[in-house]
Amino acid sequence: MNTGANLLFNIMKRFLISFFALIFISGCQTMAEGPSFAEAKSVGSYPDMSTIYIYRVYAKPHSIGVDIFINNEMIATLYQRGFTWTRVKPGLINIKGDWPSLSGQKDSHISFNAESGKSYYVELTADSKIVGALPIAATGAVTFITDSTSGLHLIEPNVAEATLYECCKFQQKQ
């Protein structure tokens, strides 16, 4: 083969190795472990507090935990099919899903006013797609181009509880 064909062959070989490695890694999931929603949901009446549930049914990338902060306090790290809850003083609530930079995701944010004696359910979502690849001729490496989206969403209590009963395991601050 001539030099140009060799270079192209090496670029394609590295691209395919990188591509299949990425597929293999993205397929690995870290699932939440802990008590079910029925075993770990908040109990009791706290009329001067609000209860906040945060859950993650499915959010890409699969194997990376997301640190959850409420009003700048770390609450838990959520993995696939995980949830956590906490009680807070009523008023303005700021929740952040802090994704590690390795994930390629942007951090998620939501703010709302919480009322005394009420429960709120927030779902963490995220998606990530490979939308292209660029071979780097000088090194033979491949750079993947991704489109990533993440969010935190208030969910109606009856919908959220049905999901939590089916899905999720409790994760507490470690």
C-alpha atoms as a PDB file:
ATOM      1  CA  MET A   1       0.000   0.000   0.000  1.00  0.00           C
ATOM      2  CA  ASN A   2       1.129   3.550  -0.615  1.00  0.00           C
ATOM      3  CA  THR A   3       1.603   6.054   2.225  1.00  0.00           C
ATOM      4  CA  GLY A   4      -1.775   7.753   1.703  1.00  0.00           C
ATOM      5  CA  ALA A   5      -3.627   4.443   1.790  1.00  0.00           C
ATOM      6  CA  ASN A   6      -1.659   3.387   4.908  1.00  0.00           C
ATOM      7  CA  LEU A   7      -2.607   6.583   6.686  1.00  0.00           C
ATOM      8  CA  LEU A   8      -6.263   6.187   5.751  1.00  0.00           C
ATOM      9  CA  PHE A   9      -6.228   2.518   6.843  1.00  0.00           C
ATOM     10  CA  ASN A  10      -4.723   3.464  10.243  1.00  0.00           C
ATOM     11  CA  ILE A  11      -7.239   6.257  10.754  1.00  0.00           C
ATOM     12  CA  MET A  12     -10.156   3.952   9.956  1.00  0.00           C
ATOM     13  CA  LYS A  13      -8.759   1.181  12.187  1.00  0.00           C
ATOM     14  CA  ARG A  14      -8.411   3.597  15.140  1.00  0.00           C
ATOM     15  CA  PHE A  15     -11.849   5.024  14.454  1.00  0.00           C
ATOM     16  CA  LEU A  16     -13.445   1.582  14.555  1.00  0.00           C
ATOM     17  CA  ILE A  17     -11.586   0.587  17.737  1.00  0.00           C
ATOM     18  CA  SER A  18     -12.618   3.875  19.397  1.00  0.00           C
ATOM     19  CA  PHE A  19     -16.192   3.526  18.184  1.00  0.00           C
ATOM     20  CA  PHE A  20     -16.636  -0.008  19.533  1.00  0.00           C
ATOM     21  CA  ALA A  21     -14.918   0.912  22.808  1.00  0.00           C
ATOM     22  CA  LEU A  22     -17.356   3.796  23.217  1.00  0.00           C
ATOM     23  CA  ILE A  23     -20.320   1.531  22.536  1.00  0.00           C
ATOM     24  CA  PHE A  24     -19.029  -1.016  25.061  1.00  0.00           C
ATOM     25  CA  ILE A  25     -18.427   1.613  27.755  1.00  0.00           C
ATOM     26  CA  SER A  26     -21.756   3.366  27.231  1.00  0.00           C
ATOM     27  CA  GLY A  27     -23.571   0.051  27.586  1.00  0.00           C
ATOM     28  CA  CYS A  28     -22.282  -0.534  31.110  1.00  0.00           C
ATOM     29  CA  GLN A  29     -24.757   0.649  33.719  1.00  0.00           C
ATOM     30  CA  THR A  30     -24.378   1.361  37.398  1.00  0.00           C
ATOM     31  CA  MET A  31     -27.734   0.716  39.039  1.00  0.00           C
ATOM     32  CA  ALA A  32     -28.896   2.092  42.347  1.00  0.00           C
ATOM     33  CA  GLU A  33     -28.833  -0.255  45.306  1.00  0.00           C
ATOM     34  CA  GLY A  34     -30.872   0.194  48.461  1.00  0.00           C
ATOM     35  CA  PRO A  35     -34.387  -0.087  49.838  1.00  0.00           C
ATOM     36  CA  SER A  36     -37.376   0.289  47.516  1.00  0.00           C
ATOM     37  CA  PHE A  37     -39.629   3.357  47.496  1.00  0.00           C
ATOM     38  CA  ALA A  38     -42.211   1.466  49.590  1.00  0.00           C
ATOM     39  CA  GLU A  39     -39.535   0.782  52.228  1.00  0.00           C
ATOM     40  CA  ALA A  40     -37.794   4.157  52.226  1.00  0.00           C
ATOM     41  CA  LYS A  41     -40.349   6.858  51.451  1.00  0.00           C
ATOM     42  CA  SER A  42     -40.851   9.698  53.891  1.00  0.00           C
ATOM     43  CA  VAL A  43     -43.334   8.943  56.674  1.00  0.00           C
ATOM     44  CA  GLY A  44     -44.938  11.135  59.267  1.00  0.00           C
ATOM     45  CA  SER A  45     -46.425  14.578  59.169  1.00  0.00           C
ATOM     46  CA  TYR A  46     -44.156  17.627  59.175  1.00  0.00           C
ATOM     47  CA  PRO A  47     -46.490  20.602  58.677  1.00  0.00           C
ATOM     48  CA  ASP A  48     -43.675  23.168  58.893  1.00  0.00           C
ATOM     49  CA  MET A  49     -41.503  21.470  56.254  1.00  0.00           C
ATOM     50  CA  SER A  50     -41.647  20.478  52.580  1.00  0.00           C
ATOM     51  CA  THR A  51     -40.549  17.074  51.346  1.00  0.00           C
ATOM     52  CA  ILE A  52     -38.550  16.906  48.120  1.00  0.00           C
ATOM     53  CA  TYR A  53     -38.124  13.631  46.196  1.00  0.00           C
ATOM     54  CA  ILE A  54     -35.593  13.490  43.373  1.00  0.00           C
ATOM     55  CA  TYR A  55     -35.349  10.444  41.136  1.00  0.00           C
ATOM     56  CA  ARG A  56     -33.553   9.159  38.052  1.00  0.00           C
ATOM     57  CA  VAL A  57     -35.261   6.440  36.058  1.00  0.00           C
ATOM     58  CA  TYR A  58     -33.008   6.583  33.002  1.00  0.00           C
ATOM     59  CA  ALA A  59     -30.442   9.207  32.116  1.00  0.00           C
ATOM     60  CA  LYS A  60     -27.403   8.942  29.843  1.00  0.00           C
ATOM     61  CA  PRO A  61     -24.568   8.392  30.349  1.00  0.00           C
ATOM     62  CA  HIS A  62     -25.643   5.225  32.168  1.00  0.00           C
ATOM     63  CA  SER A  63     -22.692   4.492  34.393  1.00  0.00           C
ATOM     64  CA  ILE A  64     -22.057   7.956  35.847  1.00  0.00           C
ATOM     65  CA  GLY A  65     -23.584   9.188  39.103  1.00  0.00           C
ATOM     66  CA  VAL A  66     -25.009  12.698  39.370  1.00  0.00           C
ATOM     67  CA  ASP A  67     -24.481  14.718  42.549  1.00  0.00           C
ATOM     68  CA  ILE A  68     -27.734  16.322  43.705  1.00  0.00           C
ATOM     69  CA  PHE A  69     -27.639  19.629  45.567  1.00  0.00           C
ATOM     70  CA  ILE A  70     -30.571  21.430  47.184  1.00  0.00           C
ATOM     71  CA  ASN A  71     -29.869  25.052  48.081  1.00  0.00           C
ATOM     72  CA  ASN A  72     -26.126  24.333  47.679  1.00  0.00           C
ATOM     73  CA  GLU A  73     -26.161  21.359  50.082  1.00  0.00           C
ATOM     74  CA  MET A  74     -25.155  17.952  48.722  1.00  0.00           C
ATOM     75  CA  ILE A  75     -28.069  15.541  49.206  1.00  0.00           C
ATOM     76  CA  ALA A  76     -26.982  12.358  47.379  1.00  0.00           C
ATOM     77  CA  THR A  77     -25.415  10.899  44.256  1.00  0.00           C
ATOM     78  CA  LEU A  78     -28.061   9.376  41.987  1.00  0.00           C
ATOM     79  CA  TYR A  79     -27.435   6.435  39.692  1.00  0.00           C
ATOM     80  CA  GLN A  80     -29.822   4.777  37.233  1.00  0.00           C
ATOM     81  CA  ARG A  81     -33.110   3.808  38.900  1.00  0.00           C
ATOM     82  CA  GLY A  82     -32.272   5.681  42.110  1.00  0.00           C
ATOM     83  CA  PHE A  83     -34.103   8.208  44.271  1.00  0.00           C
ATOM     84  CA  THR A  84     -33.537  10.272  47.367  1.00  0.00           C
ATOM     85  CA  TRP A  85     -35.643  12.556  49.532  1.00  0.00           C
ATOM     86  CA  THR A  86     -35.133  15.266  52.094  1.00  0.00           C
ATOM     87  CA  ARG A  87     -37.148  17.758  54.098  1.00  0.00           C
ATOM     88  CA  VAL A  88     -36.556  21.461  53.599  1.00  0.00           C
ATOM     89  CA  LYS A  89     -37.877  24.722  54.960  1.00  0.00           C
ATOM     90  CA  PRO A  90     -40.587  26.162  52.702  1.00  0.00           C
ATOM     91  CA  GLY A  91     -39.612  28.921  50.285  1.00  0.00           C
ATOM     92  CA  LEU A  92     -37.445  29.137  47.196  1.00  0.00           C
ATOM     93  CA  ILE A  93     -35.812  25.783  46.445  1.00  0.00           C
ATOM     94  CA  ASN A  94     -32.854  25.538  44.049  1.00  0.00           C
ATOM     95  CA  ILE A  95     -31.928  22.046  42.900  1.00  0.00           C
ATOM     96  CA  LYS A  96     -28.850  21.238  40.858  1.00  0.00           C
ATOM     97  CA  GLY A  97     -27.836  17.981  39.195  1.00  0.00           C
ATOM     98  CA  ASP A  98     -24.041  18.290  39.036  1.00  0.00           C
ATOM     99  CA  TRP A  99     -22.699  16.029  36.273  1.00  0.00           C
ATOM    100  CA  PRO A 100     -18.979  15.163  36.266  1.00  0.00           C
ATOM    101  CA  SER A 101     -17.156  16.786  33.352  1.00  0.00           C
ATOM    102  CA  LEU A 102     -16.268  13.318  32.004  1.00  0.00           C
ATOM    103  CA  SER A 103     -19.987  12.747  31.313  1.00  0.00           C
ATOM    104  CA  GLY A 104     -20.172  15.450  28.650  1.00  0.00           C
ATOM    105  CA  GLN A 105     -23.472  16.596  30.177  1.00  0.00           C
ATOM    106  CA  LYS A 106     -24.335  20.111  31.232  1.00  0.00           C
ATOM    107  CA  ASP A 107     -25.487  20.550  34.825  1.00  0.00           C
ATOM    108  CA  SER A 108     -29.258  20.485  35.405  1.00  0.00           C
ATOM    109  CA  HIS A 109     -31.107  23.173  37.370  1.00  0.00           C
ATOM    110  CA  ILE A 110     -34.630  23.822  38.616  1.00  0.00           C
ATOM    111  CA  SER A 111     -36.057  26.376  41.052  1.00  0.00           C
ATOM    112  CA  PHE A 112     -39.531  26.578  42.572  1.00  0.00           C
ATOM    113  CA  ASN A 113     -41.346  27.801  45.664  1.00  0.00           C
ATOM    114  CA  ALA A 114     -42.130  25.015  48.134  1.00  0.00           C
ATOM    115  CA  GLU A 115     -45.073  25.278  50.527  1.00  0.00           C
ATOM    116  CA  SER A 116     -45.350  23.920  54.072  1.00  0.00           C
ATOM    117  CA  GLY A 117     -46.660  20.373  54.391  1.00  0.00           C
ATOM    118  CA  LYS A 118     -46.391  19.579  50.670  1.00  0.00           C
ATOM    119  CA  SER A 119     -44.325  17.000  48.810  1.00  0.00           C
ATOM    120  CA  TYR A 120     -42.605  17.707  45.504  1.00  0.00           C
ATOM    121  CA  TYR A 121     -41.272  15.193  42.981  1.00  0.00           C
ATOM    122  CA  VAL A 122     -38.409  16.069  40.633  1.00  0.00           C
ATOM    123  CA  GLU A 123     -37.184  13.766  37.860  1.00  0.00           C
ATOM    124  CA  LEU A 124     -33.626  13.949  36.521  1.00  0.00           C
ATOM    125  CA  THR A 125     -33.397  13.230  32.780  1.00  0.00           C
ATOM    126  CA  ALA A 126     -30.515  13.249  30.309  1.00  0.00           C
ATOM    127  CA  ASP A 127     -29.687  12.052  26.837  1.00  0.00           C
ATOM    128  CA  SER A 128     -26.481  11.922  24.847  1.00  0.00           C
ATOM    129  CA  LYS A 129     -26.038  11.034  21.186  1.00  0.00           C
ATOM    130  CA  ILE A 130     -23.015  10.763  18.958  1.00  0.00           C
ATOM    131  CA  VAL A 131     -23.773  13.028  16.018  1.00  0.00           C
ATOM    132  CA  GLY A 132     -20.449  12.795  14.228  1.00  0.00           C
ATOM    133  CA  ALA A 133     -16.779  11.907  14.333  1.00  0.00           C
ATOM    134  CA  LEU A 134     -13.692  13.731  13.152  1.00  0.00           C
ATOM    135  CA  PRO A 135     -10.501  11.822  12.404  1.00  0.00           C
ATOM    136  CA  ILE A 136      -7.343  13.710  13.352  1.00  0.00           C
ATOM    137  CA  ALA A 137      -4.958  12.977  10.493  1.00  0.00           C
ATOM    138  CA  ALA A 138      -1.746  13.855  12.342  1.00  0.00           C
ATOM    139  CA  THR A 139      -2.348  11.351  15.149  1.00  0.00           C
ATOM    140  CA  GLY A 140      -4.875   8.925  13.726  1.00  0.00           C
ATOM    141  CA  ALA A 141      -7.132   9.557  16.727  1.00  0.00           C
ATOM    142  CA  VAL A 142     -10.847  10.222  16.435  1.00  0.00           C
ATOM    143  CA  THR A 143     -12.813  12.983  18.136  1.00  0.00           C
ATOM    144  CA  PHE A 144     -16.513  12.233  18.650  1.00  0.00           C
ATOM    145  CA  ILE A 145     -19.075  15.009  18.396  1.00  0.00           C
ATOM    146  CA  THR A 146     -21.954  14.600  20.841  1.00  0.00           C
ATOM    147  CA  ASP A 147     -25.263  16.289  21.489  1.00  0.00           C
ATOM    148  CA  SER A 148     -26.100  16.162  25.205  1.00  0.00           C
ATOM    149  CA  THR A 149     -29.170  17.380  27.076  1.00  0.00           C
ATOM    150  CA  SER A 150     -30.095  17.107  30.743  1.00  0.00           C
ATOM    151  CA  GLY A 151     -32.859  18.482  32.919  1.00  0.00           C
ATOM    152  CA  LEU A 152     -34.749  18.443  36.190  1.00  0.00           C
ATOM    153  CA  HIS A 153     -38.552  18.418  35.933  1.00  0.00           C
ATOM    154  CA  LEU A 154     -41.382  18.769  38.468  1.00  0.00           C
ATOM    155  CA  ILE A 155     -43.667  15.746  38.113  1.00  0.00           C
ATOM    156  CA  GLU A 156     -47.248  15.351  39.321  1.00  0.00           C
ATOM    157  CA  PRO A 157     -47.303  13.383  42.636  1.00  0.00           C
ATOM    158  CA  ASN A 158     -49.522  10.522  41.413  1.00  0.00           C
ATOM    159  CA  VAL A 159     -47.400   9.991  38.280  1.00  0.00           C
ATOM    160  CA  ALA A 160     -44.115  10.227  40.207  1.00  0.00           C
ATOM    161  CA  GLU A 161     -45.187   7.845  42.977  1.00  0.00           C
ATOM    162  CA  ALA A 162     -46.340   5.211  40.466  1.00  0.00           C
ATOM    163  CA  THR A 163     -42.947   5.472  38.761  1.00  0.00           C
ATOM    164  CA  LEU A 164     -41.049   5.328  42.059  1.00  0.00           C
ATOM    165  CA  TYR A 165     -42.905   2.206  43.227  1.00  0.00           C
ATOM    166  CA  GLU A 166     -41.976   0.422  39.982  1.00  0.00           C
ATOM    167  CA  CYS A 167     -38.503   1.737  39.517  1.00  0.00           C
ATOM    168  CA  CYS A 168     -36.280   3.079  42.094  1.00  0.00           C
ATOM    169  CA  LYS A 169     -34.013   2.302  45.026  1.00  0.00           C
ATOM    170  CA  PHE A 170     -33.207   4.765  47.808  1.00  0.00           C
ATOM    171  CA  GLN A 171     -29.804   6.446  47.766  1.00  0.00           C
ATOM    172  CA  GLN A 172     -28.644   8.534  50.690  1.00  0.00           C
ATOM    173  CA  LYS A 173     -25.819  10.992  51.164  1.00  0.00           C
ATOM    174  CA  GLN A 174     -22.500   9.213  51.560  1.00  0.00           C
END
